[in-house]
Amino acid sequence: MTDQNRFNLRPAVLEDADALGVLHIAVWRFTYQACMDPNFLAGLDAAEWIANWRRILGTDDGRRTIVAVDPERGGAIVGFASAGPSHDAEPIADTELYVLNTDVSCHGSGVAARLLESVLFHQSASLWVVEQNDRAQAFYRKHRFVVEGALKWDPAARAQDVRMRR
């Protein structure tokens, strides 16, 4: 079994909200430590992120959220992806990838690619990525995304996002 196939993918359920909130913050603190305001990252509140995931998972808004679980870690969630209708005022694709995060221990395993396609089904889509996140941009380029050029500023994180499409 290849490493990427070690992980099981399944649709997220409401009971996953706690694990998703905690993992989401952990991934952001690791990934964005060099390109987001450290006070913003330190102030991320697990209760708020868990509540947000409860709202997302409890709402039928056309979003698909898939989690990757690791049977070798007792079924712990080690990654997740979520996509649905574009949130952009002027969409460049019908579908938007809202989030794709994996635990640092899974980097290079191939599970992120599986998560990506499990929510996008190889279709055209757009996404926003932190402009300084070279690793993520390289990953998305590998999966046929190109920088489209639109920018948006996140004042809380003090980070510039760039839009990509495929």
C-alpha atoms as a PDB file:
ATOM      1  CA  MET A   1       0.000   0.000   0.000  1.00  0.00           C
ATOM      2  CA  THR A   2       1.404   3.405  -0.952  1.00  0.00           C
ATOM      3  CA  ASP A   3       1.479   6.074   1.727  1.00  0.00           C
ATOM      4  CA  GLN A   4      -1.337   8.088   0.103  1.00  0.00           C
ATOM      5  CA  ASN A   5      -3.607   5.050   0.204  1.00  0.00           C
ATOM      6  CA  ARG A   6      -2.970   4.612   3.915  1.00  0.00           C
ATOM      7  CA  PHE A   7      -5.499   7.387   4.526  1.00  0.00           C
ATOM      8  CA  ASN A   8      -9.225   6.855   4.194  1.00  0.00           C
ATOM      9  CA  LEU A   9     -11.353   9.619   2.702  1.00  0.00           C
ATOM     10  CA  ARG A  10     -14.958  10.196   3.690  1.00  0.00           C
ATOM     11  CA  PRO A  11     -17.502  13.004   3.772  1.00  0.00           C
ATOM     12  CA  ALA A  12     -17.217  15.193   6.853  1.00  0.00           C
ATOM     13  CA  VAL A  13     -20.015  14.940   9.412  1.00  0.00           C
ATOM     14  CA  LEU A  14     -21.084  17.313  12.169  1.00  0.00           C
ATOM     15  CA  GLU A  15     -19.233  15.205  14.749  1.00  0.00           C
ATOM     16  CA  ASP A  16     -15.958  16.119  12.970  1.00  0.00           C
ATOM     17  CA  ALA A  17     -16.283  19.834  13.819  1.00  0.00           C
ATOM     18  CA  ASP A  18     -14.098  19.715  16.949  1.00  0.00           C
ATOM     19  CA  ALA A  19     -11.252  17.892  15.206  1.00  0.00           C
ATOM     20  CA  LEU A  20     -11.530  20.137  12.134  1.00  0.00           C
ATOM     21  CA  GLY A  21     -11.379  23.331  14.183  1.00  0.00           C
ATOM     22  CA  VAL A  22      -8.308  22.203  16.104  1.00  0.00           C
ATOM     23  CA  LEU A  23      -6.501  20.858  13.016  1.00  0.00           C
ATOM     24  CA  HIS A  24      -7.359  23.957  10.971  1.00  0.00           C
ATOM     25  CA  ILE A  25      -5.689  26.218  13.545  1.00  0.00           C
ATOM     26  CA  ALA A  26      -2.653  23.934  13.877  1.00  0.00           C
ATOM     27  CA  VAL A  27      -2.142  23.913  10.104  1.00  0.00           C
ATOM     28  CA  TRP A  28      -2.476  27.693   9.853  1.00  0.00           C
ATOM     29  CA  ARG A  29      -0.034  28.300  12.711  1.00  0.00           C
ATOM     30  CA  PHE A  30       2.552  26.052  11.050  1.00  0.00           C
ATOM     31  CA  THR A  31       1.985  27.064   7.442  1.00  0.00           C
ATOM     32  CA  TYR A  32       1.608  30.802   7.862  1.00  0.00           C
ATOM     33  CA  GLN A  33       4.113  31.544  10.617  1.00  0.00           C
ATOM     34  CA  ALA A  34       6.365  33.389   8.154  1.00  0.00           C
ATOM     35  CA  CYS A  35       3.684  35.257   6.207  1.00  0.00           C
ATOM     36  CA  MET A  36       0.892  36.209   8.604  1.00  0.00           C
ATOM     37  CA  ASP A  37       0.810  38.476  11.616  1.00  0.00           C
ATOM     38  CA  PRO A  38       2.072  36.385  14.568  1.00  0.00           C
ATOM     39  CA  ASN A  39      -0.426  38.065  16.906  1.00  0.00           C
ATOM     40  CA  PHE A  40      -3.255  37.048  14.582  1.00  0.00           C
ATOM     41  CA  LEU A  41      -2.050  33.432  14.536  1.00  0.00           C
ATOM     42  CA  ALA A  42      -1.534  33.326  18.310  1.00  0.00           C
ATOM     43  CA  GLY A  43      -5.022  34.697  18.822  1.00  0.00           C
ATOM     44  CA  LEU A  44      -6.833  32.071  16.763  1.00  0.00           C
ATOM     45  CA  ASP A  45      -9.542  30.709  19.034  1.00  0.00           C
ATOM     46  CA  ALA A  46     -10.345  27.004  18.799  1.00  0.00           C
ATOM     47  CA  ALA A  47     -13.887  27.544  20.114  1.00  0.00           C
ATOM     48  CA  GLU A  48     -14.609  30.022  17.292  1.00  0.00           C
ATOM     49  CA  TRP A  49     -13.158  27.729  14.618  1.00  0.00           C
ATOM     50  CA  ILE A  50     -15.054  24.730  15.986  1.00  0.00           C
ATOM     51  CA  ALA A  51     -18.277  26.771  15.991  1.00  0.00           C
ATOM     52  CA  ASN A  52     -17.581  27.797  12.391  1.00  0.00           C
ATOM     53  CA  TRP A  53     -17.090  24.166  11.367  1.00  0.00           C
ATOM     54  CA  ARG A  54     -20.321  23.210  13.180  1.00  0.00           C
ATOM     55  CA  ARG A  55     -22.154  25.894  11.194  1.00  0.00           C
ATOM     56  CA  ILE A  56     -20.563  24.765   7.902  1.00  0.00           C
ATOM     57  CA  LEU A  57     -21.243  21.079   8.464  1.00  0.00           C
ATOM     58  CA  GLY A  58     -24.772  21.768   9.684  1.00  0.00           C
ATOM     59  CA  THR A  59     -25.754  23.799   6.620  1.00  0.00           C
ATOM     60  CA  ASP A  60     -26.722  22.473   3.211  1.00  0.00           C
ATOM     61  CA  ASP A  61     -25.240  25.195   1.002  1.00  0.00           C
ATOM     62  CA  GLY A  62     -23.879  23.060  -1.833  1.00  0.00           C
ATOM     63  CA  ARG A  63     -20.491  22.647  -0.178  1.00  0.00           C
ATOM     64  CA  ARG A  64     -18.629  19.331  -0.264  1.00  0.00           C
ATOM     65  CA  THR A  65     -16.276  18.688   2.645  1.00  0.00           C
ATOM     66  CA  ILE A  66     -14.110  15.584   2.689  1.00  0.00           C
ATOM     67  CA  VAL A  67     -11.810  14.483   5.489  1.00  0.00           C
ATOM     68  CA  ALA A  68      -8.771  12.207   5.418  1.00  0.00           C
ATOM     69  CA  VAL A  69      -8.479   9.891   8.394  1.00  0.00           C
ATOM     70  CA  ASP A  70      -5.477   7.867   9.446  1.00  0.00           C
ATOM     71  CA  PRO A  71      -6.316   4.351  10.654  1.00  0.00           C
ATOM     72  CA  GLU A  72      -2.809   4.116  12.133  1.00  0.00           C
ATOM     73  CA  ARG A  73      -3.722   7.024  14.444  1.00  0.00           C
ATOM     74  CA  GLY A  74      -7.030   5.638  15.594  1.00  0.00           C
ATOM     75  CA  GLY A  75      -8.967   7.278  12.789  1.00  0.00           C
ATOM     76  CA  ALA A  76      -7.705  10.788  13.543  1.00  0.00           C
ATOM     77  CA  ILE A  77      -8.512  13.424  10.944  1.00  0.00           C
ATOM     78  CA  VAL A  78      -5.239  14.430   9.267  1.00  0.00           C
ATOM     79  CA  GLY A  79      -6.557  16.518   6.388  1.00  0.00           C
ATOM     80  CA  PHE A  80      -9.622  18.066   4.854  1.00  0.00           C
ATOM     81  CA  ALA A  81     -10.846  19.841   1.756  1.00  0.00           C
ATOM     82  CA  SER A  82     -13.986  21.827   1.098  1.00  0.00           C
ATOM     83  CA  ALA A  83     -15.406  23.232  -2.147  1.00  0.00           C
ATOM     84  CA  GLY A  84     -18.685  24.565  -3.434  1.00  0.00           C
ATOM     85  CA  PRO A  85     -20.262  27.472  -5.278  1.00  0.00           C
ATOM     86  CA  SER A  86     -17.939  30.434  -5.783  1.00  0.00           C
ATOM     87  CA  HIS A  87     -18.127  33.163  -3.138  1.00  0.00           C
ATOM     88  CA  ASP A  88     -16.568  35.756  -5.463  1.00  0.00           C
ATOM     89  CA  ALA A  89     -18.625  38.784  -6.466  1.00  0.00           C
ATOM     90  CA  GLU A  90     -17.453  38.193 -10.041  1.00  0.00           C
ATOM     91  CA  PRO A  91     -16.760  34.440 -10.266  1.00  0.00           C
ATOM     92  CA  ILE A  92     -14.286  33.101 -12.793  1.00  0.00           C
ATOM     93  CA  ALA A  93     -15.500  29.522 -12.216  1.00  0.00           C
ATOM     94  CA  ASP A  94     -18.690  28.034 -10.835  1.00  0.00           C
ATOM     95  CA  THR A  95     -16.805  26.064  -8.190  1.00  0.00           C
ATOM     96  CA  GLU A  96     -14.402  27.432  -5.591  1.00  0.00           C
ATOM     97  CA  LEU A  97     -11.982  25.440  -3.475  1.00  0.00           C
ATOM     98  CA  TYR A  98     -12.503  27.024  -0.057  1.00  0.00           C
ATOM     99  CA  VAL A  99      -9.866  25.142   1.876  1.00  0.00           C
ATOM    100  CA  LEU A 100      -7.390  22.282   1.570  1.00  0.00           C
ATOM    101  CA  ASN A 101      -5.254  21.559   4.616  1.00  0.00           C
ATOM    102  CA  THR A 102      -3.248  18.571   5.798  1.00  0.00           C
ATOM    103  CA  ASP A 103      -1.301  17.934   8.947  1.00  0.00           C
ATOM    104  CA  VAL A 104       2.410  18.585   8.412  1.00  0.00           C
ATOM    105  CA  SER A 105       3.101  14.880   9.022  1.00  0.00           C
ATOM    106  CA  CYS A 106       1.189  14.128   5.798  1.00  0.00           C
ATOM    107  CA  HIS A 107       3.112  16.512   3.540  1.00  0.00           C
ATOM    108  CA  GLY A 108       4.428  14.636   0.526  1.00  0.00           C
ATOM    109  CA  SER A 109       2.172  11.629   1.099  1.00  0.00           C
ATOM    110  CA  GLY A 110      -0.204  12.319  -1.812  1.00  0.00           C
ATOM    111  CA  VAL A 111      -3.252  12.649   0.413  1.00  0.00           C
ATOM    112  CA  ALA A 112      -3.680  16.348  -0.471  1.00  0.00           C
ATOM    113  CA  ALA A 113      -4.044  15.442  -4.156  1.00  0.00           C
ATOM    114  CA  ARG A 114      -6.675  12.852  -3.279  1.00  0.00           C
ATOM    115  CA  LEU A 115      -8.560  15.391  -1.168  1.00  0.00           C
ATOM    116  CA  LEU A 116      -8.382  17.990  -3.942  1.00  0.00           C
ATOM    117  CA  GLU A 117      -9.919  15.734  -6.544  1.00  0.00           C
ATOM    118  CA  SER A 118     -12.462  14.310  -4.116  1.00  0.00           C
ATOM    119  CA  VAL A 119     -14.075  17.755  -3.803  1.00  0.00           C
ATOM    120  CA  LEU A 120     -13.398  19.100  -7.316  1.00  0.00           C
ATOM    121  CA  PHE A 121     -13.856  15.964  -9.465  1.00  0.00           C
ATOM    122  CA  HIS A 122     -11.231  17.231 -11.968  1.00  0.00           C
ATOM    123  CA  GLN A 123     -13.503  20.150 -12.942  1.00  0.00           C
ATOM    124  CA  SER A 124     -12.600  23.779 -13.439  1.00  0.00           C
ATOM    125  CA  ALA A 125     -12.448  25.808 -10.246  1.00  0.00           C
ATOM    126  CA  SER A 126     -10.975  28.854  -8.585  1.00  0.00           C
ATOM    127  CA  LEU A 127      -9.258  29.273  -5.240  1.00  0.00           C
ATOM    128  CA  TRP A 128      -7.573  31.930  -3.135  1.00  0.00           C
ATOM    129  CA  VAL A 129      -4.113  31.252  -1.715  1.00  0.00           C
ATOM    130  CA  VAL A 130      -1.800  33.382   0.396  1.00  0.00           C
ATOM    131  CA  GLU A 131       0.536  35.012  -2.088  1.00  0.00           C
ATOM    132  CA  GLN A 132       3.629  34.109  -0.040  1.00  0.00           C
ATOM    133  CA  ASN A 133       2.636  30.450   0.273  1.00  0.00           C
ATOM    134  CA  ASP A 134       4.996  29.103  -2.369  1.00  0.00           C
ATOM    135  CA  ARG A 135       4.477  25.471  -1.339  1.00  0.00           C
ATOM    136  CA  ALA A 136       0.710  25.675  -1.859  1.00  0.00           C
ATOM    137  CA  GLN A 137       1.029  27.523  -5.154  1.00  0.00           C
ATOM    138  CA  ALA A 138       3.445  24.885  -6.452  1.00  0.00           C
ATOM    139  CA  PHE A 139       1.007  22.157  -5.402  1.00  0.00           C
ATOM    140  CA  TYR A 140      -1.882  23.857  -7.207  1.00  0.00           C
ATOM    141  CA  ARG A 141       0.222  24.454 -10.343  1.00  0.00           C
ATOM    142  CA  LYS A 142       0.982  20.731 -10.363  1.00  0.00           C
ATOM    143  CA  HIS A 143      -2.798  20.211 -10.462  1.00  0.00           C
ATOM    144  CA  ARG A 144      -3.299  22.534 -13.449  1.00  0.00           C
ATOM    145  CA  PHE A 145      -4.102  25.759 -11.601  1.00  0.00           C
ATOM    146  CA  VAL A 146      -2.592  29.024 -12.810  1.00  0.00           C
ATOM    147  CA  VAL A 147      -2.402  32.384 -11.120  1.00  0.00           C
ATOM    148  CA  GLU A 148      -5.294  34.403 -12.486  1.00  0.00           C
ATOM    149  CA  GLY A 149      -4.069  37.666 -10.982  1.00  0.00           C
ATOM    150  CA  ALA A 150      -6.870  39.014  -8.793  1.00  0.00           C
ATOM    151  CA  LEU A 151      -5.705  39.995  -5.326  1.00  0.00           C
ATOM    152  CA  LYS A 152      -7.461  40.517  -2.009  1.00  0.00           C
ATOM    153  CA  TRP A 153      -6.065  41.717   1.272  1.00  0.00           C
ATOM    154  CA  ASP A 154      -6.883  40.028   4.590  1.00  0.00           C
ATOM    155  CA  PRO A 155      -6.495  42.858   7.125  1.00  0.00           C
ATOM    156  CA  ALA A 156      -6.753  40.613  10.198  1.00  0.00           C
ATOM    157  CA  ALA A 157      -3.984  38.257   9.048  1.00  0.00           C
ATOM    158  CA  ARG A 158      -2.106  41.039   7.237  1.00  0.00           C
ATOM    159  CA  ALA A 159      -1.732  38.744   4.257  1.00  0.00           C
ATOM    160  CA  GLN A 160      -2.259  39.150   0.531  1.00  0.00           C
ATOM    161  CA  ASP A 161      -4.253  36.446  -1.260  1.00  0.00           C
ATOM    162  CA  VAL A 162      -3.988  35.726  -4.971  1.00  0.00           C
ATOM    163  CA  ARG A 163      -6.623  33.924  -7.033  1.00  0.00           C
ATOM    164  CA  MET A 164      -5.808  30.833  -9.062  1.00  0.00           C
ATOM    165  CA  ARG A 165      -7.975  28.937 -11.562  1.00  0.00           C
ATOM    166  CA  ARG A 166      -8.032  25.796 -13.662  1.00  0.00           C
END
